[in-house]
Amino acid sequence: MGRYVIRRLLQMVPVFIGTTFLIFVMVYAIGDPIAAMFGDRTPDPATAAAIRESLHLNDPLWSQYLQYMAGIFQGDFGTSFNGTPVVELMGNAFPNTIKLTLVAFAIELVVGLTLGVIAGLRRGRIVDTGVLVFTLLVISIPTFVTGYVLQYFIGVKLGWAAPAVSIDVTFDQLLLPGIVLAGVSLAYVSRLTRTSVAENLRSDYIRTATAKGLPRRRVVTVHLMRNSLIPVVTFLGTDIGGLMAGAVVTERIFNIQGVGYQLYQGILRQNSPTVVGFVTILVVVFLAANLLVDLLYAVLDPRIRYA
């Protein structure tokens, strides 16, 4: 197992370098950062030249990338165009997004697995049909529509939840945004679980366990669930990064100043250091989640062993 982890970590290095370099080139090669910094005003040529020199914008892109990577290993992700260090923006944004992601992940895990198992065990019945219709509706409705509707009726009309939050958020304030963010993922988890449970329910090892006289609860929880969860765990692992990166709409609706909010502001204002810095951390999150998923395979299925 240890050799496998080391090998996977070494494989992540070229993926990390290639991904961040591609993002860096796309962000810095499009538009003029100096023009974006001054907005509608026309900067003085001498001032613009001095800023370009201080930000190394006159250097080739590969040279700028090497300087950026050197700064990362020293904990310096650059400075946004308003003078705020990107690390400081991360310190304010990531805690909010991590809280939101945890709430959304818990909702999609508990509700999604529960609906999927119930539908899979009762395939073809009215409960199964109801779960399929419900998940289809959730997938079909855009997130921004769900967010505004729930915010208006639950937050404004009924007053059961805060209609909007801002800088310092608590977990109770994030319940409604978490439901909105987890909606589509919850539907996919339910469908994946349902399909996997229904397929494994007809397997030989399930019939053997039942023939041995094992209690149905043990057959379902120990034998059926462990094998059925492998495709679900794959989706959940990659969805962690997806929830953090895809919270742009949800954070805008509920005024949560997290990663999605900062990325939106950075793209809108062409704030290149902010965009590249935040996306770099998200790349690390995706890579770490994929490694964790691979390790969980061995826990769920004893037949899987890594050398």
C-alpha atoms as a PDB file:
ATOM      1  CA  MET A   1       0.000   0.000   0.000  1.00  0.00           C
ATOM      2  CA  GLY A   2       2.806   2.393   0.893  1.00  0.00           C
ATOM      3  CA  ARG A   3       4.538   1.867  -2.450  1.00  0.00           C
ATOM      4  CA  TYR A   4       1.248   2.471  -4.245  1.00  0.00           C
ATOM      5  CA  VAL A   5       0.657   5.751  -2.395  1.00  0.00           C
ATOM      6  CA  ILE A   6       4.183   6.943  -3.213  1.00  0.00           C
ATOM      7  CA  ARG A   7       3.704   6.004  -6.868  1.00  0.00           C
ATOM      8  CA  ARG A   8       0.397   7.844  -7.026  1.00  0.00           C
ATOM      9  CA  LEU A   9       1.904  10.928  -5.412  1.00  0.00           C
ATOM     10  CA  LEU A  10       4.679  10.929  -8.000  1.00  0.00           C
ATOM     11  CA  GLN A  11       2.085  10.595 -10.772  1.00  0.00           C
ATOM     12  CA  MET A  12       0.277  13.645  -9.417  1.00  0.00           C
ATOM     13  CA  VAL A  13       3.317  15.874  -9.940  1.00  0.00           C
ATOM     14  CA  PRO A  14       3.143  16.065 -13.772  1.00  0.00           C
ATOM     15  CA  VAL A  15      -0.650  16.311 -13.602  1.00  0.00           C
ATOM     16  CA  PHE A  16      -0.405  19.237 -11.192  1.00  0.00           C
ATOM     17  CA  ILE A  17       2.260  20.981 -13.266  1.00  0.00           C
ATOM     18  CA  GLY A  18       0.425  20.461 -16.552  1.00  0.00           C
ATOM     19  CA  THR A  19      -2.931  21.586 -15.187  1.00  0.00           C
ATOM     20  CA  THR A  20      -1.652  24.697 -13.439  1.00  0.00           C
ATOM     21  CA  PHE A  21       0.481  25.664 -16.424  1.00  0.00           C
ATOM     22  CA  LEU A  22      -2.509  25.359 -18.750  1.00  0.00           C
ATOM     23  CA  ILE A  23      -4.647  27.484 -16.427  1.00  0.00           C
ATOM     24  CA  PHE A  24      -1.851  30.025 -16.015  1.00  0.00           C
ATOM     25  CA  VAL A  25      -1.414  30.404 -19.769  1.00  0.00           C
ATOM     26  CA  MET A  26      -5.149  30.686 -20.449  1.00  0.00           C
ATOM     27  CA  VAL A  27      -5.635  33.343 -17.771  1.00  0.00           C
ATOM     28  CA  TYR A  28      -2.582  35.480 -18.480  1.00  0.00           C
ATOM     29  CA  ALA A  29      -2.662  35.125 -22.275  1.00  0.00           C
ATOM     30  CA  ILE A  30      -6.221  36.502 -22.517  1.00  0.00           C
ATOM     31  CA  GLY A  31      -6.708  40.228 -22.062  1.00  0.00           C
ATOM     32  CA  ASP A  32      -4.473  42.868 -20.560  1.00  0.00           C
ATOM     33  CA  PRO A  33      -4.146  42.691 -16.743  1.00  0.00           C
ATOM     34  CA  ILE A  34      -3.048  46.338 -16.565  1.00  0.00           C
ATOM     35  CA  ALA A  35      -6.115  47.514 -18.474  1.00  0.00           C
ATOM     36  CA  ALA A  36      -8.320  45.412 -16.188  1.00  0.00           C
ATOM     37  CA  MET A  37      -6.611  46.893 -13.135  1.00  0.00           C
ATOM     38  CA  PHE A  38      -7.441  50.474 -14.149  1.00  0.00           C
ATOM     39  CA  GLY A  39     -10.900  49.742 -15.550  1.00  0.00           C
ATOM     40  CA  ASP A  40     -12.300  52.592 -17.638  1.00  0.00           C
ATOM     41  CA  ARG A  41      -9.401  54.880 -16.821  1.00  0.00           C
ATOM     42  CA  THR A  42      -6.399  55.096 -19.114  1.00  0.00           C
ATOM     43  CA  PRO A  43      -3.200  54.550 -17.127  1.00  0.00           C
ATOM     44  CA  ASP A  44      -0.182  56.757 -17.540  1.00  0.00           C
ATOM     45  CA  PRO A  45       2.300  54.952 -19.843  1.00  0.00           C
ATOM     46  CA  ALA A  46       5.117  55.298 -17.320  1.00  0.00           C
ATOM     47  CA  THR A  47       2.925  53.964 -14.506  1.00  0.00           C
ATOM     48  CA  ALA A  48       1.719  51.060 -16.650  1.00  0.00           C
ATOM     49  CA  ALA A  49       5.302  50.208 -17.615  1.00  0.00           C
ATOM     50  CA  ALA A  50       6.390  50.271 -13.962  1.00  0.00           C
ATOM     51  CA  ILE A  51       3.535  47.977 -12.939  1.00  0.00           C
ATOM     52  CA  ARG A  52       4.315  45.570 -15.759  1.00  0.00           C
ATOM     53  CA  GLU A  53       7.925  45.453 -14.645  1.00  0.00           C
ATOM     54  CA  SER A  54       7.032  44.894 -10.988  1.00  0.00           C
ATOM     55  CA  LEU A  55       4.589  42.085 -11.869  1.00  0.00           C
ATOM     56  CA  HIS A  56       7.041  40.544 -14.392  1.00  0.00           C
ATOM     57  CA  LEU A  57       4.416  40.831 -17.127  1.00  0.00           C
ATOM     58  CA  ASN A  58       7.108  41.626 -19.677  1.00  0.00           C
ATOM     59  CA  ASP A  59       8.698  38.218 -19.153  1.00  0.00           C
ATOM     60  CA  PRO A  60       7.716  35.205 -21.288  1.00  0.00           C
ATOM     61  CA  LEU A  61       4.764  33.195 -19.958  1.00  0.00           C
ATOM     62  CA  TRP A  62       6.937  30.204 -19.091  1.00  0.00           C
ATOM     63  CA  SER A  63       9.204  32.457 -17.041  1.00  0.00           C
ATOM     64  CA  GLN A  64       6.210  34.002 -15.257  1.00  0.00           C
ATOM     65  CA  TYR A  65       4.925  30.492 -14.507  1.00  0.00           C
ATOM     66  CA  LEU A  66       8.247  29.408 -13.002  1.00  0.00           C
ATOM     67  CA  GLN A  67       8.261  32.492 -10.791  1.00  0.00           C
ATOM     68  CA  TYR A  68       4.680  31.753  -9.765  1.00  0.00           C
ATOM     69  CA  MET A  69       5.528  28.142  -8.859  1.00  0.00           C
ATOM     70  CA  ALA A  70       8.575  29.269  -6.905  1.00  0.00           C
ATOM     71  CA  GLY A  71       6.360  31.624  -4.919  1.00  0.00           C
ATOM     72  CA  ILE A  72       3.822  28.854  -4.193  1.00  0.00           C
ATOM     73  CA  PHE A  73       6.414  26.724  -2.414  1.00  0.00           C
ATOM     74  CA  GLN A  74       7.164  29.756  -0.247  1.00  0.00           C
ATOM     75  CA  GLY A  75       3.499  30.271   0.563  1.00  0.00           C
ATOM     76  CA  ASP A  76       3.139  33.253  -1.793  1.00  0.00           C
ATOM     77  CA  PHE A  77       0.294  33.011  -4.298  1.00  0.00           C
ATOM     78  CA  GLY A  78       0.768  36.555  -5.493  1.00  0.00           C
ATOM     79  CA  THR A  79      -1.144  39.755  -4.858  1.00  0.00           C
ATOM     80  CA  SER A  80      -4.510  40.681  -6.302  1.00  0.00           C
ATOM     81  CA  PHE A  81      -4.808  43.880  -8.295  1.00  0.00           C
ATOM     82  CA  ASN A  82      -6.411  45.685  -5.338  1.00  0.00           C
ATOM     83  CA  GLY A  83      -3.273  45.118  -3.281  1.00  0.00           C
ATOM     84  CA  THR A  84      -4.628  42.262  -1.106  1.00  0.00           C
ATOM     85  CA  PRO A  85      -2.456  39.125  -0.949  1.00  0.00           C
ATOM     86  CA  VAL A  86      -4.191  36.138  -2.515  1.00  0.00           C
ATOM     87  CA  VAL A  87      -3.370  34.082   0.590  1.00  0.00           C
ATOM     88  CA  GLU A  88      -5.424  36.508   2.659  1.00  0.00           C
ATOM     89  CA  LEU A  89      -8.364  36.144   0.285  1.00  0.00           C
ATOM     90  CA  MET A  90      -8.024  32.367   0.565  1.00  0.00           C
ATOM     91  CA  GLY A  91      -8.010  32.600   4.347  1.00  0.00           C
ATOM     92  CA  ASN A  92     -11.357  34.410   4.238  1.00  0.00           C
ATOM     93  CA  ALA A  93     -12.961  32.391   1.435  1.00  0.00           C
ATOM     94  CA  PHE A  94     -11.986  28.753   1.948  1.00  0.00           C
ATOM     95  CA  PRO A  95     -13.424  28.349   5.490  1.00  0.00           C
ATOM     96  CA  ASN A  96     -16.856  29.420   4.223  1.00  0.00           C
ATOM     97  CA  THR A  97     -16.704  27.153   1.188  1.00  0.00           C
ATOM     98  CA  ILE A  98     -15.417  24.210   3.232  1.00  0.00           C
ATOM     99  CA  LYS A  99     -18.354  24.614   5.629  1.00  0.00           C
ATOM    100  CA  LEU A 100     -20.786  24.804   2.714  1.00  0.00           C
ATOM    101  CA  THR A 101     -19.177  21.774   1.069  1.00  0.00           C
ATOM    102  CA  LEU A 102     -19.410  19.729   4.290  1.00  0.00           C
ATOM    103  CA  VAL A 103     -23.098  20.566   4.690  1.00  0.00           C
ATOM    104  CA  ALA A 104     -23.861  19.759   1.040  1.00  0.00           C
ATOM    105  CA  PHE A 105     -21.767  16.571   1.131  1.00  0.00           C
ATOM    106  CA  ALA A 106     -23.518  15.339   4.278  1.00  0.00           C
ATOM    107  CA  ILE A 107     -26.926  15.993   2.719  1.00  0.00           C
ATOM    108  CA  GLU A 108     -26.124  14.248  -0.541  1.00  0.00           C
ATOM    109  CA  LEU A 109     -24.480  11.340   1.298  1.00  0.00           C
ATOM    110  CA  VAL A 110     -27.272  10.665   3.783  1.00  0.00           C
ATOM    111  CA  VAL A 111     -30.312  11.498   1.656  1.00  0.00           C
ATOM    112  CA  GLY A 112     -28.835  10.219  -1.618  1.00  0.00           C
ATOM    113  CA  LEU A 113     -27.755   6.853  -0.211  1.00  0.00           C
ATOM    114  CA  THR A 114     -31.019   6.395   1.681  1.00  0.00           C
ATOM    115  CA  LEU A 115     -33.192   7.070  -1.360  1.00  0.00           C
ATOM    116  CA  GLY A 116     -30.955   4.933  -3.567  1.00  0.00           C
ATOM    117  CA  VAL A 117     -30.986   1.930  -1.230  1.00  0.00           C
ATOM    118  CA  ILE A 118     -34.763   2.118  -0.731  1.00  0.00           C
ATOM    119  CA  ALA A 119     -35.364   2.381  -4.482  1.00  0.00           C
ATOM    120  CA  GLY A 120     -32.880  -0.401  -5.277  1.00  0.00           C
ATOM    121  CA  LEU A 121     -34.417  -2.818  -2.768  1.00  0.00           C
ATOM    122  CA  ARG A 122     -37.903  -2.085  -4.137  1.00  0.00           C
ATOM    123  CA  ARG A 123     -37.097  -1.891  -7.810  1.00  0.00           C
ATOM    124  CA  GLY A 124     -40.171  -1.620 -10.015  1.00  0.00           C
ATOM    125  CA  ARG A 125     -42.474  -0.609  -7.168  1.00  0.00           C
ATOM    126  CA  ILE A 126     -44.128   2.728  -6.536  1.00  0.00           C
ATOM    127  CA  VAL A 127     -41.335   3.846  -4.185  1.00  0.00           C
ATOM    128  CA  ASP A 128     -38.751   3.224  -6.894  1.00  0.00           C
ATOM    129  CA  THR A 129     -40.823   5.151  -9.429  1.00  0.00           C
ATOM    130  CA  GLY A 130     -41.231   8.027  -7.007  1.00  0.00           C
ATOM    131  CA  VAL A 131     -37.464   8.269  -6.404  1.00  0.00           C
ATOM    132  CA  LEU A 132     -36.752   8.207 -10.139  1.00  0.00           C
ATOM    133  CA  VAL A 133     -39.294  10.964 -10.827  1.00  0.00           C
ATOM    134  CA  PHE A 134     -38.007  13.077  -7.938  1.00  0.00           C
ATOM    135  CA  THR A 135     -34.360  12.805  -9.002  1.00  0.00           C
ATOM    136  CA  LEU A 136     -35.273  13.536 -12.617  1.00  0.00           C
ATOM    137  CA  LEU A 137     -37.011  16.745 -11.546  1.00  0.00           C
ATOM    138  CA  VAL A 138     -34.038  17.782  -9.422  1.00  0.00           C
ATOM    139  CA  ILE A 139     -31.622  17.211 -12.297  1.00  0.00           C
ATOM    140  CA  SER A 140     -33.862  19.021 -14.790  1.00  0.00           C
ATOM    141  CA  ILE A 141     -34.295  22.245 -12.790  1.00  0.00           C
ATOM    142  CA  PRO A 142     -31.280  24.613 -12.997  1.00  0.00           C
ATOM    143  CA  THR A 143     -29.522  25.385  -9.734  1.00  0.00           C
ATOM    144  CA  PHE A 144     -30.146  29.116  -9.933  1.00  0.00           C
ATOM    145  CA  VAL A 145     -33.894  28.495 -10.247  1.00  0.00           C
ATOM    146  CA  THR A 146     -33.937  26.141  -7.254  1.00  0.00           C
ATOM    147  CA  GLY A 147     -31.810  28.555  -5.240  1.00  0.00           C
ATOM    148  CA  TYR A 148     -33.955  31.629  -5.800  1.00  0.00           C
ATOM    149  CA  VAL A 149     -37.241  29.744  -5.308  1.00  0.00           C
ATOM    150  CA  LEU A 150     -36.152  28.143  -2.022  1.00  0.00           C
ATOM    151  CA  GLN A 151     -34.601  31.389  -0.830  1.00  0.00           C
ATOM    152  CA  TYR A 152     -37.823  33.274  -1.497  1.00  0.00           C
ATOM    153  CA  PHE A 153     -40.325  30.807  -0.029  1.00  0.00           C
ATOM    154  CA  ILE A 154     -38.317  29.267   2.824  1.00  0.00           C
ATOM    155  CA  GLY A 155     -36.073  32.186   3.694  1.00  0.00           C
ATOM    156  CA  VAL A 156     -38.277  35.207   2.975  1.00  0.00           C
ATOM    157  CA  LYS A 157     -41.894  34.045   3.132  1.00  0.00           C
ATOM    158  CA  LEU A 158     -41.645  31.450   5.903  1.00  0.00           C
ATOM    159  CA  GLY A 159     -38.589  32.849   7.654  1.00  0.00           C
ATOM    160  CA  TRP A 160     -37.280  29.358   8.444  1.00  0.00           C
ATOM    161  CA  ALA A 161     -33.752  30.123   7.239  1.00  0.00           C
ATOM    162  CA  ALA A 162     -31.534  33.124   6.638  1.00  0.00           C
ATOM    163  CA  PRO A 163     -32.283  34.383   3.093  1.00  0.00           C
ATOM    164  CA  ALA A 164     -28.696  35.528   2.691  1.00  0.00           C
ATOM    165  CA  VAL A 165     -25.437  35.346   4.615  1.00  0.00           C
ATOM    166  CA  SER A 166     -22.160  37.127   4.086  1.00  0.00           C
ATOM    167  CA  ILE A 167     -18.640  36.899   5.508  1.00  0.00           C
ATOM    168  CA  ASP A 168     -18.759  34.851   8.723  1.00  0.00           C
ATOM    169  CA  VAL A 169     -21.211  32.003   8.222  1.00  0.00           C
ATOM    170  CA  THR A 170     -22.435  29.334  10.602  1.00  0.00           C
ATOM    171  CA  PHE A 171     -23.576  25.815   9.815  1.00  0.00           C
ATOM    172  CA  ASP A 172     -27.242  26.595  10.537  1.00  0.00           C
ATOM    173  CA  GLN A 173     -27.113  29.458   8.018  1.00  0.00           C
ATOM    174  CA  LEU A 174     -25.683  27.079   5.432  1.00  0.00           C
ATOM    175  CA  LEU A 175     -28.457  24.500   5.621  1.00  0.00           C
ATOM    176  CA  LEU A 176     -30.554  26.034   2.835  1.00  0.00           C
ATOM    177  CA  PRO A 177     -27.551  26.830   0.579  1.00  0.00           C
ATOM    178  CA  GLY A 178     -26.289  23.306   1.257  1.00  0.00           C
ATOM    179  CA  ILE A 179     -29.566  21.807   0.046  1.00  0.00           C
ATOM    180  CA  VAL A 180     -29.373  23.878  -3.134  1.00  0.00           C
ATOM    181  CA  LEU A 181     -25.735  22.974  -3.764  1.00  0.00           C
ATOM    182  CA  ALA A 182     -26.274  19.274  -3.048  1.00  0.00           C
ATOM    183  CA  GLY A 183     -29.429  18.942  -5.142  1.00  0.00           C
ATOM    184  CA  VAL A 184     -28.052  17.669  -8.452  1.00  0.00           C
ATOM    185  CA  SER A 185     -25.324  15.576  -6.830  1.00  0.00           C
ATOM    186  CA  LEU A 186     -27.892  14.058  -4.484  1.00  0.00           C
ATOM    187  CA  ALA A 187     -29.979  12.974  -7.456  1.00  0.00           C
ATOM    188  CA  TYR A 188     -26.980  11.320  -9.148  1.00  0.00           C
ATOM    189  CA  VAL A 189     -25.978   9.547  -5.927  1.00  0.00           C
ATOM    190  CA  SER A 190     -29.527   8.206  -5.558  1.00  0.00           C
ATOM    191  CA  ARG A 191     -29.597   6.889  -9.109  1.00  0.00           C
ATOM    192  CA  LEU A 192     -26.123   5.359  -8.895  1.00  0.00           C
ATOM    193  CA  THR A 193     -26.942   3.663  -5.602  1.00  0.00           C
ATOM    194  CA  ARG A 194     -30.268   2.393  -6.877  1.00  0.00           C
ATOM    195  CA  THR A 195     -28.745   0.860 -10.001  1.00  0.00           C
ATOM    196  CA  SER A 196     -25.828  -0.709  -8.134  1.00  0.00           C
ATOM    197  CA  VAL A 197     -28.020  -2.138  -5.357  1.00  0.00           C
ATOM    198  CA  ALA A 198     -30.548  -3.547  -7.839  1.00  0.00           C
ATOM    199  CA  GLU A 199     -27.794  -5.252  -9.853  1.00  0.00           C
ATOM    200  CA  ASN A 200     -25.972  -6.734  -6.867  1.00  0.00           C
ATOM    201  CA  LEU A 201     -29.234  -7.883  -5.294  1.00  0.00           C
ATOM    202  CA  ARG A 202     -29.450 -10.594  -7.974  1.00  0.00           C
ATOM    203  CA  SER A 203     -25.832 -11.715  -7.529  1.00  0.00           C
ATOM    204  CA  ASP A 204     -24.855 -15.220  -6.459  1.00  0.00           C
ATOM    205  CA  TYR A 205     -23.130 -14.118  -3.256  1.00  0.00           C
ATOM    206  CA  ILE A 206     -26.339 -12.424  -2.074  1.00  0.00           C
ATOM    207  CA  ARG A 207     -28.376 -15.566  -2.720  1.00  0.00           C
ATOM    208  CA  THR A 208     -25.730 -17.625  -0.933  1.00  0.00           C
ATOM    209  CA  ALA A 209     -25.739 -15.336   2.102  1.00  0.00           C
ATOM    210  CA  THR A 210     -29.540 -15.486   2.213  1.00  0.00           C
ATOM    211  CA  ALA A 211     -29.531 -19.286   1.856  1.00  0.00           C
ATOM    212  CA  LYS A 212     -27.158 -19.565   4.827  1.00  0.00           C
ATOM    213  CA  GLY A 213     -29.840 -17.984   6.977  1.00  0.00           C
ATOM    214  CA  LEU A 214     -28.134 -14.643   7.616  1.00  0.00           C
ATOM    215  CA  PRO A 215     -30.472 -11.880   8.800  1.00  0.00           C
ATOM    216  CA  ARG A 216     -31.651  -9.639   5.971  1.00  0.00           C
ATOM    217  CA  ARG A 217     -30.219  -6.581   7.713  1.00  0.00           C
ATOM    218  CA  ARG A 218     -26.761  -8.164   7.752  1.00  0.00           C
ATOM    219  CA  VAL A 219     -27.071  -9.255   4.122  1.00  0.00           C
ATOM    220  CA  VAL A 220     -27.979  -5.727   3.066  1.00  0.00           C
ATOM    221  CA  THR A 221     -25.593  -3.720   5.251  1.00  0.00           C
ATOM    222  CA  VAL A 222     -22.503  -5.962   5.089  1.00  0.00           C
ATOM    223  CA  HIS A 223     -22.631  -7.924   1.840  1.00  0.00           C
ATOM    224  CA  LEU A 224     -24.819  -5.851  -0.459  1.00  0.00           C
ATOM    225  CA  MET A 225     -23.791  -2.323   0.515  1.00  0.00           C
ATOM    226  CA  ARG A 226     -20.017  -2.821   0.483  1.00  0.00           C
ATOM    227  CA  ASN A 227     -20.033  -3.977  -3.120  1.00  0.00           C
ATOM    228  CA  SER A 228     -22.703  -1.535  -4.233  1.00  0.00           C
ATOM    229  CA  LEU A 229     -20.880   1.505  -2.855  1.00  0.00           C
ATOM    230  CA  ILE A 230     -17.805   1.285  -5.106  1.00  0.00           C
ATOM    231  CA  PRO A 231     -19.254   3.320  -8.036  1.00  0.00           C
ATOM    232  CA  VAL A 232     -20.945   5.668  -5.550  1.00  0.00           C
ATOM    233  CA  VAL A 233     -17.677   6.317  -3.709  1.00  0.00           C
ATOM    234  CA  THR A 234     -16.030   7.103  -7.051  1.00  0.00           C
ATOM    235  CA  PHE A 235     -18.627   9.777  -7.728  1.00  0.00           C
ATOM    236  CA  LEU A 236     -18.580  11.148  -4.175  1.00  0.00           C
ATOM    237  CA  GLY A 237     -14.793  11.447  -4.165  1.00  0.00           C
ATOM    238  CA  THR A 238     -14.636  13.491  -7.334  1.00  0.00           C
ATOM    239  CA  ASP A 239     -17.712  15.464  -6.293  1.00  0.00           C
ATOM    240  CA  ILE A 240     -15.925  16.972  -3.289  1.00  0.00           C
ATOM    241  CA  GLY A 241     -13.840  19.137  -5.585  1.00  0.00           C
ATOM    242  CA  GLY A 242     -16.849  19.684  -7.796  1.00  0.00           C
ATOM    243  CA  LEU A 243     -18.882  21.050  -4.890  1.00  0.00           C
ATOM    244  CA  MET A 244     -16.115  23.492  -3.950  1.00  0.00           C
ATOM    245  CA  ALA A 245     -15.538  24.637  -7.516  1.00  0.00           C
ATOM    246  CA  GLY A 246     -19.198  24.615  -8.506  1.00  0.00           C
ATOM    247  CA  ALA A 247     -20.475  26.758  -5.658  1.00  0.00           C
ATOM    248  CA  VAL A 248     -20.299  29.918  -7.782  1.00  0.00           C
ATOM    249  CA  VAL A 249     -24.045  30.127  -8.397  1.00  0.00           C
ATOM    250  CA  THR A 250     -25.039  29.098  -4.872  1.00  0.00           C
ATOM    251  CA  GLU A 251     -22.643  31.529  -3.222  1.00  0.00           C
ATOM    252  CA  ARG A 252     -23.845  34.347  -5.453  1.00  0.00           C
ATOM    253  CA  ILE A 253     -27.503  33.666  -4.611  1.00  0.00           C
ATOM    254  CA  PHE A 254     -26.940  33.546  -0.849  1.00  0.00           C
ATOM    255  CA  ASN A 255     -24.143  36.150  -0.788  1.00  0.00           C
ATOM    256  CA  ILE A 256     -21.620  33.736   0.692  1.00  0.00           C
ATOM    257  CA  GLN A 257     -18.123  35.124   0.249  1.00  0.00           C
ATOM    258  CA  GLY A 258     -16.379  31.863  -0.458  1.00  0.00           C
ATOM    259  CA  VAL A 259     -14.277  30.368  -3.231  1.00  0.00           C
ATOM    260  CA  GLY A 260     -17.026  30.629  -5.836  1.00  0.00           C
ATOM    261  CA  TYR A 261     -17.628  34.261  -4.954  1.00  0.00           C
ATOM    262  CA  GLN A 262     -13.920  35.123  -5.217  1.00  0.00           C
ATOM    263  CA  LEU A 263     -13.556  33.253  -8.520  1.00  0.00           C
ATOM    264  CA  TYR A 264     -16.564  35.087  -9.934  1.00  0.00           C
ATOM    265  CA  GLN A 265     -15.163  38.445  -8.858  1.00  0.00           C
ATOM    266  CA  GLY A 266     -11.720  37.537 -10.184  1.00  0.00           C
ATOM    267  CA  ILE A 267     -13.045  36.519 -13.593  1.00  0.00           C
ATOM    268  CA  LEU A 268     -15.379  39.517 -13.781  1.00  0.00           C
ATOM    269  CA  ARG A 269     -12.549  41.958 -13.010  1.00  0.00           C
ATOM    270  CA  GLN A 270      -9.876  39.944 -14.867  1.00  0.00           C
ATOM    271  CA  ASN A 271      -7.957  39.621 -11.606  1.00  0.00           C
ATOM    272  CA  SER A 272      -5.504  37.016 -12.863  1.00  0.00           C
ATOM    273  CA  PRO A 273      -3.547  36.304  -9.623  1.00  0.00           C
ATOM    274  CA  THR A 274      -6.782  35.603  -7.731  1.00  0.00           C
ATOM    275  CA  VAL A 275      -8.157  33.241 -10.375  1.00  0.00           C
ATOM    276  CA  VAL A 276      -4.911  31.297 -10.817  1.00  0.00           C
ATOM    277  CA  GLY A 277      -4.277  31.054  -7.068  1.00  0.00           C
ATOM    278  CA  PHE A 278      -7.730  29.722  -6.197  1.00  0.00           C
ATOM    279  CA  VAL A 279      -7.807  27.279  -9.108  1.00  0.00           C
ATOM    280  CA  THR A 280      -4.382  25.959  -8.082  1.00  0.00           C
ATOM    281  CA  ILE A 281      -5.768  24.980  -4.663  1.00  0.00           C
ATOM    282  CA  LEU A 282      -8.823  23.391  -6.296  1.00  0.00           C
ATOM    283  CA  VAL A 283      -6.520  21.267  -8.468  1.00  0.00           C
ATOM    284  CA  VAL A 284      -4.822  19.991  -5.312  1.00  0.00           C
ATOM    285  CA  VAL A 285      -8.244  19.197  -3.808  1.00  0.00           C
ATOM    286  CA  PHE A 286      -9.249  17.178  -6.889  1.00  0.00           C
ATOM    287  CA  LEU A 287      -5.982  15.223  -6.861  1.00  0.00           C
ATOM    288  CA  ALA A 288      -6.234  14.467  -3.140  1.00  0.00           C
ATOM    289  CA  ALA A 289      -9.865  13.355  -3.504  1.00  0.00           C
ATOM    290  CA  ASN A 290      -8.973  10.957  -6.338  1.00  0.00           C
ATOM    291  CA  LEU A 291      -6.195   9.416  -4.240  1.00  0.00           C
ATOM    292  CA  LEU A 292      -8.554   9.003  -1.290  1.00  0.00           C
ATOM    293  CA  VAL A 293     -11.131   7.280  -3.506  1.00  0.00           C
ATOM    294  CA  ASP A 294      -8.560   4.774  -4.760  1.00  0.00           C
ATOM    295  CA  LEU A 295      -7.571   3.939  -1.181  1.00  0.00           C
ATOM    296  CA  LEU A 296     -11.207   3.495  -0.148  1.00  0.00           C
ATOM    297  CA  TYR A 297     -11.659   0.823  -2.833  1.00  0.00           C
ATOM    298  CA  ALA A 298      -9.461  -1.542  -0.816  1.00  0.00           C
ATOM    299  CA  VAL A 299     -11.534  -0.865   2.295  1.00  0.00           C
ATOM    300  CA  LEU A 300     -14.848  -1.594   0.576  1.00  0.00           C
ATOM    301  CA  ASP A 301     -13.673  -4.618  -1.426  1.00  0.00           C
ATOM    302  CA  PRO A 302     -11.063  -6.894   0.241  1.00  0.00           C
ATOM    303  CA  ARG A 303     -10.263  -8.400  -3.182  1.00  0.00           C
ATOM    304  CA  ILE A 304      -8.661  -5.118  -4.229  1.00  0.00           C
ATOM    305  CA  ARG A 305      -5.040  -4.919  -3.187  1.00  0.00           C
ATOM    306  CA  TYR A 306      -2.420  -2.360  -4.188  1.00  0.00           C
ATOM    307  CA  ALA A 307       1.196  -3.342  -4.578  1.00  0.00           C
END
